[in-house]
PDB file of N, CA and C in Angstrom:
ATOM      1  N   UNK A   1     114.893-122.843  92.966  1.00  0.00           N
ATOM      2  CA  UNK A   1     113.816-123.438  93.704  1.00  0.00           C
ATOM      3  C   UNK A   1     112.962-124.299  92.784  1.00  0.00           C
ATOM      4  N   UNK A   2     112.596-125.466  93.291  1.00  0.00           N
ATOM      5  CA  UNK A   2     111.793-126.356  92.462  1.00  0.00           C
ATOM      6  C   UNK A   2     110.312-126.027  92.596  1.00  0.00           C
ATOM      7  N   UNK A   3     109.615-126.214  91.504  1.00  0.00           N
ATOM      8  CA  UNK A   3     108.177-126.001  91.533  1.00  0.00           C
ATOM      9  C   UNK A   3     107.493-127.298  91.951  1.00  0.00           C
ATOM     10  N   UNK A   4     106.411-127.141  92.661  1.00  0.00           N
ATOM     11  CA  UNK A   4     105.653-128.311  93.078  1.00  0.00           C
ATOM     12  C   UNK A   4     104.884-128.858  91.899  1.00  0.00           C
ATOM     13  N   UNK A   5     104.880-130.152  91.793  1.00  0.00           N
ATOM     14  CA  UNK A   5     104.068-130.783  90.758  1.00  0.00           C
ATOM     15  C   UNK A   5     102.703-131.090  91.343  1.00  0.00           C
ATOM     16  N   UNK A   6     101.716-130.725  90.626  1.00  0.00           N
ATOM     17  CA  UNK A   6     100.374-131.045  91.079  1.00  0.00           C
ATOM     18  C   UNK A   6     100.100-132.517  90.817  1.00  0.00           C
ATOM     19  N   UNK A   7      99.564-133.172  91.833  1.00  0.00           N
ATOM     20  CA  UNK A   7      99.207-134.573  91.669  1.00  0.00           C
ATOM     21  C   UNK A   7      97.963-134.652  90.792  1.00  0.00           C
ATOM     22  N   UNK A   8      97.890-135.681  89.973  1.00  0.00           N
ATOM     23  CA  UNK A   8      96.661-135.820  89.185  1.00  0.00           C
ATOM     24  C   UNK A   8      95.482-136.074  90.117  1.00  0.00           C
ATOM     25  N   UNK A   9      94.409-135.407  89.832  1.00  0.00           N
ATOM     26  CA  UNK A   9      93.229-135.526  90.694  1.00  0.00           C
ATOM     27  C   UNK A   9      92.535-136.859  90.481  1.00  0.00           C
ATOM     28  N   UNK A  10      92.198-137.475  91.589  1.00  0.00           N
ATOM     29  CA  UNK A  10      91.426-138.709  91.507  1.00  0.00           C
ATOM     30  C   UNK A  10      89.956-138.343  91.675  1.00  0.00           C
ATOM     31  N   UNK A  11      89.080-139.099  91.068  1.00  0.00           N
ATOM     32  CA  UNK A  11      87.661-138.763  91.235  1.00  0.00           C
ATOM     33  C   UNK A  11      87.255-138.902  92.702  1.00  0.00           C
ATOM     34  N   UNK A  12      86.581-137.895  93.179  1.00  0.00           N
ATOM     35  CA  UNK A  12      86.160-137.907  94.580  1.00  0.00           C
ATOM     36  C   UNK A  12      85.003-138.866  94.781  1.00  0.00           C
ATOM     37  N   UNK A  13      84.917-139.353  95.979  1.00  0.00           N
ATOM     38  CA  UNK A  13      83.834-140.269  96.295  1.00  0.00           C
ATOM     39  C   UNK A  13      82.507-139.516  96.262  1.00  0.00           C
ATOM     40  N   UNK A  14      81.524-140.152  95.743  1.00  0.00           N
ATOM     41  CA  UNK A  14      80.209-139.539  95.663  1.00  0.00           C
ATOM     42  C   UNK A  14      79.568-139.604  97.040  1.00  0.00           C
ATOM     43  N   UNK A  15      79.113-138.464  97.501  1.00  0.00           N
ATOM     44  CA  UNK A  15      78.485-138.425  98.815  1.00  0.00           C
ATOM     45  C   UNK A  15      77.075-138.992  98.713  1.00  0.00           C
ATOM     46  N   UNK A  16      76.771-139.856  99.650  1.00  0.00           N
ATOM     47  CA  UNK A  16      75.436-140.430  99.659  1.00  0.00           C
ATOM     48  C   UNK A  16      74.561-139.637 100.622  1.00  0.00           C
ATOM     49  N   UNK A  17      73.315-139.528 100.288  1.00  0.00           N
ATOM     50  CA  UNK A  17      72.386-138.806 101.134  1.00  0.00           C
ATOM     51  C   UNK A  17      71.778-139.795 102.122  1.00  0.00           C
ATOM     52  N   UNK A  18      71.924-139.485 103.395  1.00  0.00           N
ATOM     53  CA  UNK A  18      71.401-140.359 104.434  1.00  0.00           C
ATOM     54  C   UNK A  18      69.931-140.028 104.667  1.00  0.00           C
ATOM     55  N   UNK A  19      69.148-141.068 104.794  1.00  0.00           N
ATOM     56  CA  UNK A  19      67.731-140.871 105.057  1.00  0.00           C
ATOM     57  C   UNK A  19      67.551-140.298 106.452  1.00  0.00           C
ATOM     58  N   UNK A  20      66.548-139.466 106.612  1.00  0.00           N
ATOM     59  CA  UNK A  20      66.243-138.928 107.928  1.00  0.00           C
ATOM     60  C   UNK A  20      65.427-139.949 108.701  1.00  0.00           C
ATOM     61  N   UNK A  21      66.118-140.773 109.455  1.00  0.00           N
ATOM     62  CA  UNK A  21      65.436-141.759 110.271  1.00  0.00           C
ATOM     63  C   UNK A  21      65.488-141.277 111.706  1.00  0.00           C
ATOM     64  N   UNK A  22      64.404-141.444 112.394  1.00  0.00           N
ATOM     65  CA  UNK A  22      64.349-141.030 113.785  1.00  0.00           C
ATOM     66  C   UNK A  22      64.936-142.122 114.664  1.00  0.00           C
ATOM     67  N   UNK A  23      65.412-141.707 115.814  1.00  0.00           N
ATOM     68  CA  UNK A  23      65.933-142.703 116.743  1.00  0.00           C
ATOM     69  C   UNK A  23      64.770-143.456 117.376  1.00  0.00           C
ATOM     70  N   UNK A  24      65.077-144.551 118.052  1.00  0.00           N
ATOM     71  CA  UNK A  24      64.019-145.411 118.596  1.00  0.00           C
ATOM     72  C   UNK A  24      63.169-144.696 119.639  1.00  0.00           C
ATOM     73  N   UNK A  25      63.748-143.755 120.366  1.00  0.00           N
ATOM     74  CA  UNK A  25      62.997-143.055 121.407  1.00  0.00           C
ATOM     75  C   UNK A  25      62.117-141.958 120.800  1.00  0.00           C
ATOM     76  N   UNK A  26      62.619-141.271 119.781  1.00  0.00           N
ATOM     77  CA  UNK A  26      61.809-140.253 119.110  1.00  0.00           C
ATOM     78  C   UNK A  26      60.652-140.905 118.352  1.00  0.00           C
ATOM     79  N   UNK A  27      60.911-142.061 117.770  1.00  0.00           N
ATOM     80  CA  UNK A  27      59.884-142.781 117.018  1.00  0.00           C
ATOM     81  C   UNK A  27      58.720-143.168 117.924  1.00  0.00           C
ATOM     82  N   UNK A  28      59.051-143.594 119.162  1.00  0.00           N
ATOM     83  CA  UNK A  28      58.021-144.006 120.117  1.00  0.00           C
ATOM     84  C   UNK A  28      57.524-142.838 120.967  1.00  0.00           C
ATOM     85  N   UNK A  29      58.049-141.637 120.703  1.00  0.00           N
ATOM     86  CA  UNK A  29      57.683-140.415 121.435  1.00  0.00           C
ATOM     87  C   UNK A  29      57.907-140.560 122.945  1.00  0.00           C
ATOM     88  N   UNK A  30      59.077-141.107 123.286  1.00  0.00           N
ATOM     89  CA  UNK A  30      59.458-141.256 124.688  1.00  0.00           C
ATOM     90  C   UNK A  30      60.081-139.944 125.143  1.00  0.00           C
ATOM     91  N   UNK A  31      59.558-139.373 126.225  1.00  0.00           N
ATOM     92  CA  UNK A  31      60.106-138.108 126.729  1.00  0.00           C
ATOM     93  C   UNK A  31      61.116-138.340 127.843  1.00  0.00           C
ATOM     94  N   UNK A  32      60.938-139.423 128.617  1.00  0.00           N
ATOM     95  CA  UNK A  32      61.819-139.714 129.737  1.00  0.00           C
ATOM     96  C   UNK A  32      62.329-141.144 129.604  1.00  0.00           C
ATOM     97  N   UNK A  33      63.630-141.308 129.626  1.00  0.00           N
ATOM     98  CA  UNK A  33      64.218-142.647 129.555  1.00  0.00           C
ATOM     99  C   UNK A  33      64.470-143.097 130.990  1.00  0.00           C
ATOM    100  N   UNK A  34      63.762-144.126 131.397  1.00  0.00           N
ATOM    101  CA  UNK A  34      63.778-144.567 132.781  1.00  0.00           C
ATOM    102  C   UNK A  34      65.040-145.371 133.082  1.00  0.00           C
ATOM    103  N   UNK A  35      65.725-144.999 134.154  1.00  0.00           N
ATOM    104  CA  UNK A  35      66.950-145.709 134.533  1.00  0.00           C
ATOM    105  C   UNK A  35      66.651-147.098 135.073  1.00  0.00           C
ATOM    106  N   UNK A  36      65.396-147.341 135.480  1.00  0.00           N
ATOM    107  CA  UNK A  36      65.029-148.656 136.024  1.00  0.00           C
ATOM    108  C   UNK A  36      64.713-149.667 134.933  1.00  0.00           C
ATOM    109  N   UNK A  37      64.604-149.205 133.699  1.00  0.00           N
ATOM    110  CA  UNK A  37      64.319-150.090 132.567  1.00  0.00           C
ATOM    111  C   UNK A  37      65.643-150.662 132.054  1.00  0.00           C
ATOM    112  N   UNK A  38      66.149-151.661 132.759  1.00  0.00           N
ATOM    113  CA  UNK A  38      67.491-152.194 132.514  1.00  0.00           C
ATOM    114  C   UNK A  38      67.570-152.902 131.165  1.00  0.00           C
ATOM    115  N   UNK A  39      66.493-153.541 130.743  1.00  0.00           N
ATOM    116  CA  UNK A  39      66.509-154.276 129.468  1.00  0.00           C
ATOM    117  C   UNK A  39      66.789-153.343 128.296  1.00  0.00           C
ATOM    118  N   UNK A  40      66.169-152.178 128.299  1.00  0.00           N
ATOM    119  CA  UNK A  40      66.388-151.205 127.221  1.00  0.00           C
ATOM    120  C   UNK A  40      67.803-150.653 127.296  1.00  0.00           C
ATOM    121  N   UNK A  41      68.256-150.337 128.501  1.00  0.00           N
ATOM    122  CA  UNK A  41      69.584-149.742 128.653  1.00  0.00           C
ATOM    123  C   UNK A  41      70.693-150.724 128.299  1.00  0.00           C
ATOM    124  N   UNK A  42      70.492-152.017 128.556  1.00  0.00           N
ATOM    125  CA  UNK A  42      71.535-152.997 128.236  1.00  0.00           C
ATOM    126  C   UNK A  42      71.735-153.133 126.739  1.00  0.00           C
ATOM    127  N   UNK A  43      70.709-152.850 125.949  1.00  0.00           N
ATOM    128  CA  UNK A  43      70.852-152.898 124.491  1.00  0.00           C
ATOM    129  C   UNK A  43      71.742-151.769 123.985  1.00  0.00           C
ATOM    130  N   UNK A  44      71.923-150.745 124.798  1.00  0.00           N
ATOM    131  CA  UNK A  44      72.727-149.593 124.413  1.00  0.00           C
ATOM    132  C   UNK A  44      74.132-149.640 125.003  1.00  0.00           C
ATOM    133  N   UNK A  45      74.491-150.773 125.600  1.00  0.00           N
ATOM    134  CA  UNK A  45      75.814-150.942 126.212  1.00  0.00           C
ATOM    135  C   UNK A  45      76.570-152.075 125.536  1.00  0.00           C
ATOM    136  N   UNK A  46      77.894-151.985 125.554  1.00  0.00           N
ATOM    137  CA  UNK A  46      78.727-153.073 125.061  1.00  0.00           C
ATOM    138  C   UNK A  46      78.792-154.163 126.123  1.00  0.00           C
ATOM    139  N   UNK A  47      79.467-155.261 125.787  1.00  0.00           N
ATOM    140  CA  UNK A  47      79.639-156.349 126.750  1.00  0.00           C
ATOM    141  C   UNK A  47      80.451-155.900 127.965  1.00  0.00           C
ATOM    142  N   UNK A  48      81.303-154.924 127.755  1.00  0.00           N
ATOM    143  CA  UNK A  48      82.148-154.424 128.836  1.00  0.00           C
ATOM    144  C   UNK A  48      81.488-153.317 129.641  1.00  0.00           C
ATOM    145  N   UNK A  49      80.306-152.875 129.211  1.00  0.00           N
ATOM    146  CA  UNK A  49      79.574-151.863 129.974  1.00  0.00           C
ATOM    147  C   UNK A  49      79.718-150.452 129.453  1.00  0.00           C
ATOM    148  N   UNK A  50      80.355-150.283 128.309  1.00  0.00           N
ATOM    149  CA  UNK A  50      80.492-148.941 127.733  1.00  0.00           C
ATOM    150  C   UNK A  50      79.232-148.584 126.950  1.00  0.00           C
ATOM    151  N   UNK A  51      78.926-147.298 126.904  1.00  0.00           N
ATOM    152  CA  UNK A  51      77.756-146.834 126.170  1.00  0.00           C
ATOM    153  C   UNK A  51      78.120-146.758 124.692  1.00  0.00           C
ATOM    154  N   UNK A  52      77.244-147.302 123.831  1.00  0.00           N
ATOM    155  CA  UNK A  52      77.472-147.215 122.394  1.00  0.00           C
ATOM    156  C   UNK A  52      77.411-145.766 121.944  1.00  0.00           C
ATOM    157  N   UNK A  53      78.147-145.447 120.886  1.00  0.00           N
ATOM    158  CA  UNK A  53      78.126-144.093 120.335  1.00  0.00           C
ATOM    159  C   UNK A  53      76.798-143.834 119.630  1.00  0.00           C
ATOM    160  N   UNK A  54      76.554-142.586 119.312  1.00  0.00           N
ATOM    161  CA  UNK A  54      75.329-142.211 118.612  1.00  0.00           C
ATOM    162  C   UNK A  54      75.245-142.901 117.268  1.00  0.00           C
ATOM    163  N   UNK A  55      76.366-142.974 116.597  1.00  0.00           N
ATOM    164  CA  UNK A  55      76.386-143.588 115.271  1.00  0.00           C
ATOM    165  C   UNK A  55      76.030-145.068 115.353  1.00  0.00           C
ATOM    166  N   UNK A  56      76.515-145.723 116.375  1.00  0.00           N
ATOM    167  CA  UNK A  56      76.282-147.161 116.532  1.00  0.00           C
ATOM    168  C   UNK A  56      74.872-147.452 117.047  1.00  0.00           C
ATOM    169  N   UNK A  57      74.405-146.645 117.985  1.00  0.00           N
ATOM    170  CA  UNK A  57      73.091-146.900 118.581  1.00  0.00           C
ATOM    171  C   UNK A  57      71.955-146.323 117.753  1.00  0.00           C
ATOM    172  N   UNK A  58      72.243-145.295 116.952  1.00  0.00           N
ATOM    173  CA  UNK A  58      71.208-144.689 116.120  1.00  0.00           C
ATOM    174  C   UNK A  58      70.375-143.654 116.846  1.00  0.00           C
ATOM    175  N   UNK A  59      70.832-143.202 118.000  1.00  0.00           N
ATOM    176  CA  UNK A  59      70.094-142.197 118.755  1.00  0.00           C
ATOM    177  C   UNK A  59      70.401-140.799 118.254  1.00  0.00           C
ATOM    178  N   UNK A  60      69.441-139.891 118.454  1.00  0.00           N
ATOM    179  CA  UNK A  60      69.707-138.482 118.159  1.00  0.00           C
ATOM    180  C   UNK A  60      70.486-137.904 119.347  1.00  0.00           C
ATOM    181  N   UNK A  61      70.963-136.677 119.209  1.00  0.00           N
ATOM    182  CA  UNK A  61      71.817-136.089 120.237  1.00  0.00           C
ATOM    183  C   UNK A  61      71.086-135.928 121.562  1.00  0.00           C
ATOM    184  N   UNK A  62      69.850-135.472 121.511  1.00  0.00           N
ATOM    185  CA  UNK A  62      69.095-135.266 122.739  1.00  0.00           C
ATOM    186  C   UNK A  62      68.810-136.566 123.461  1.00  0.00           C
ATOM    187  N   UNK A  63      68.411-137.582 122.711  1.00  0.00           N
ATOM    188  CA  UNK A  63      68.116-138.876 123.327  1.00  0.00           C
ATOM    189  C   UNK A  63      69.387-139.542 123.829  1.00  0.00           C
ATOM    190  N   UNK A  64      70.503-139.304 123.156  1.00  0.00           N
ATOM    191  CA  UNK A  64      71.766-139.888 123.606  1.00  0.00           C
ATOM    192  C   UNK A  64      72.159-139.307 124.965  1.00  0.00           C
ATOM    193  N   UNK A  65      71.900-138.018 125.167  1.00  0.00           N
ATOM    194  CA  UNK A  65      72.177-137.404 126.464  1.00  0.00           C
ATOM    195  C   UNK A  65      71.278-137.996 127.549  1.00  0.00           C
ATOM    196  N   UNK A  66      69.997-138.214 127.202  1.00  0.00           N
ATOM    197  CA  UNK A  66      69.072-138.817 128.165  1.00  0.00           C
ATOM    198  C   UNK A  66      69.500-140.242 128.504  1.00  0.00           C
ATOM    199  N   UNK A  67      69.950-140.982 127.500  1.00  0.00           N
ATOM    200  CA  UNK A  67      70.429-142.356 127.724  1.00  0.00           C
ATOM    201  C   UNK A  67      71.651-142.329 128.622  1.00  0.00           C
ATOM    202  N   UNK A  68      72.541-141.402 128.362  1.00  0.00           N
ATOM    203  CA  UNK A  68      73.768-141.292 129.148  1.00  0.00           C
ATOM    204  C   UNK A  68      73.446-141.056 130.624  1.00  0.00           C
ATOM    205  N   UNK A  69      72.524-140.133 130.889  1.00  0.00           N
ATOM    206  CA  UNK A  69      72.146-139.861 132.276  1.00  0.00           C
ATOM    207  C   UNK A  69      71.449-141.064 132.905  1.00  0.00           C
ATOM    208  N   UNK A  70      70.603-141.749 132.139  1.00  0.00           N
ATOM    209  CA  UNK A  70      69.894-142.910 132.669  1.00  0.00           C
ATOM    210  C   UNK A  70      70.870-144.034 132.999  1.00  0.00           C
ATOM    211  N   UNK A  71      71.868-144.253 132.141  1.00  0.00           N
ATOM    212  CA  UNK A  71      72.860-145.301 132.391  1.00  0.00           C
ATOM    213  C   UNK A  71      73.685-144.955 133.631  1.00  0.00           C
ATOM    214  N   UNK A  72      74.059-143.699 133.770  1.00  0.00           N
ATOM    215  CA  UNK A  72      74.845-143.291 134.935  1.00  0.00           C
ATOM    216  C   UNK A  72      74.050-143.473 136.221  1.00  0.00           C
ATOM    217  N   UNK A  73      72.758-143.137 136.176  1.00  0.00           N
ATOM    218  CA  UNK A  73      71.912-143.329 137.352  1.00  0.00           C
ATOM    219  C   UNK A  73      71.757-144.815 137.680  1.00  0.00           C
ATOM    220  N   UNK A  74      71.570-145.629 136.644  1.00  0.00           N
ATOM    221  CA  UNK A  74      71.414-147.070 136.861  1.00  0.00           C
ATOM    222  C   UNK A  74      72.695-147.673 137.417  1.00  0.00           C
ATOM    223  N   UNK A  75      73.836-147.182 136.982  1.00  0.00           N
ATOM    224  CA  UNK A  75      75.105-147.666 137.526  1.00  0.00           C
ATOM    225  C   UNK A  75      75.228-147.296 138.999  1.00  0.00           C
ATOM    226  N   UNK A  76      74.846-146.063 139.317  1.00  0.00           N
ATOM    227  CA  UNK A  76      74.941-145.593 140.697  1.00  0.00           C
ATOM    228  C   UNK A  76      74.021-146.397 141.613  1.00  0.00           C
ATOM    229  N   UNK A  77      72.853-146.788 141.096  1.00  0.00           N
ATOM    230  CA  UNK A  77      71.900-147.563 141.880  1.00  0.00           C
ATOM    231  C   UNK A  77      72.198-149.069 141.825  1.00  0.00           C
ATOM    232  N   UNK A  78      73.300-149.451 141.204  1.00  0.00           N
ATOM    233  CA  UNK A  78      73.763-150.838 141.088  1.00  0.00           C
ATOM    234  C   UNK A  78      72.836-151.717 140.259  1.00  0.00           C
ATOM    235  N   UNK A  79      72.138-151.105 139.302  1.00  0.00           N
ATOM    236  CA  UNK A  79      71.313-151.884 138.377  1.00  0.00           C
ATOM    237  C   UNK A  79      72.132-152.324 137.162  1.00  0.00           C
ATOM    238  N   UNK A  80      73.154-151.531 136.822  1.00  0.00           N
ATOM    239  CA  UNK A  80      74.065-151.849 135.717  1.00  0.00           C
ATOM    240  C   UNK A  80      75.498-151.817 136.243  1.00  0.00           C
ATOM    241  N   UNK A  81      76.374-152.607 135.664  1.00  0.00           N
ATOM    242  CA  UNK A  81      77.775-152.582 136.119  1.00  0.00           C
ATOM    243  C   UNK A  81      78.534-151.388 135.543  1.00  0.00           C
ATOM    244  N   UNK A  82      79.518-150.912 136.278  1.00  0.00           N
ATOM    245  CA  UNK A  82      80.413-149.888 135.742  1.00  0.00           C
ATOM    246  C   UNK A  82      81.323-150.523 134.697  1.00  0.00           C
ATOM    247  N   UNK A  83      81.875-151.677 135.029  1.00  0.00           N
ATOM    248  CA  UNK A  83      82.687-152.469 134.103  1.00  0.00           C
ATOM    249  C   UNK A  83      82.358-153.941 134.334  1.00  0.00           C
ATOM    250  N   UNK A  84      82.703-154.768 133.370  1.00  0.00           N
ATOM    251  CA  UNK A  84      82.475-156.195 133.589  1.00  0.00           C
ATOM    252  C   UNK A  84      83.667-156.999 133.155  1.00  0.00           C
TER     253      UNK A  84
END
């Protein structure tokens, strides 16, 4: 049986520390994201109508859920398109 050769170790990438930045809604202390505020919601959508991810939009998890519900309500009320 052959023995495995250990690969030479490459230096690992140095992990960078991310600054604790608040999302735009937490910064402004917004408790309710209004589905009728189409201008704000359109900034969080792609050209095709998909919701940007948390990483792309910069929202925290709680605000991302609120945005998701607001976008779904706006779509249902025909304020935003489902697809374009």
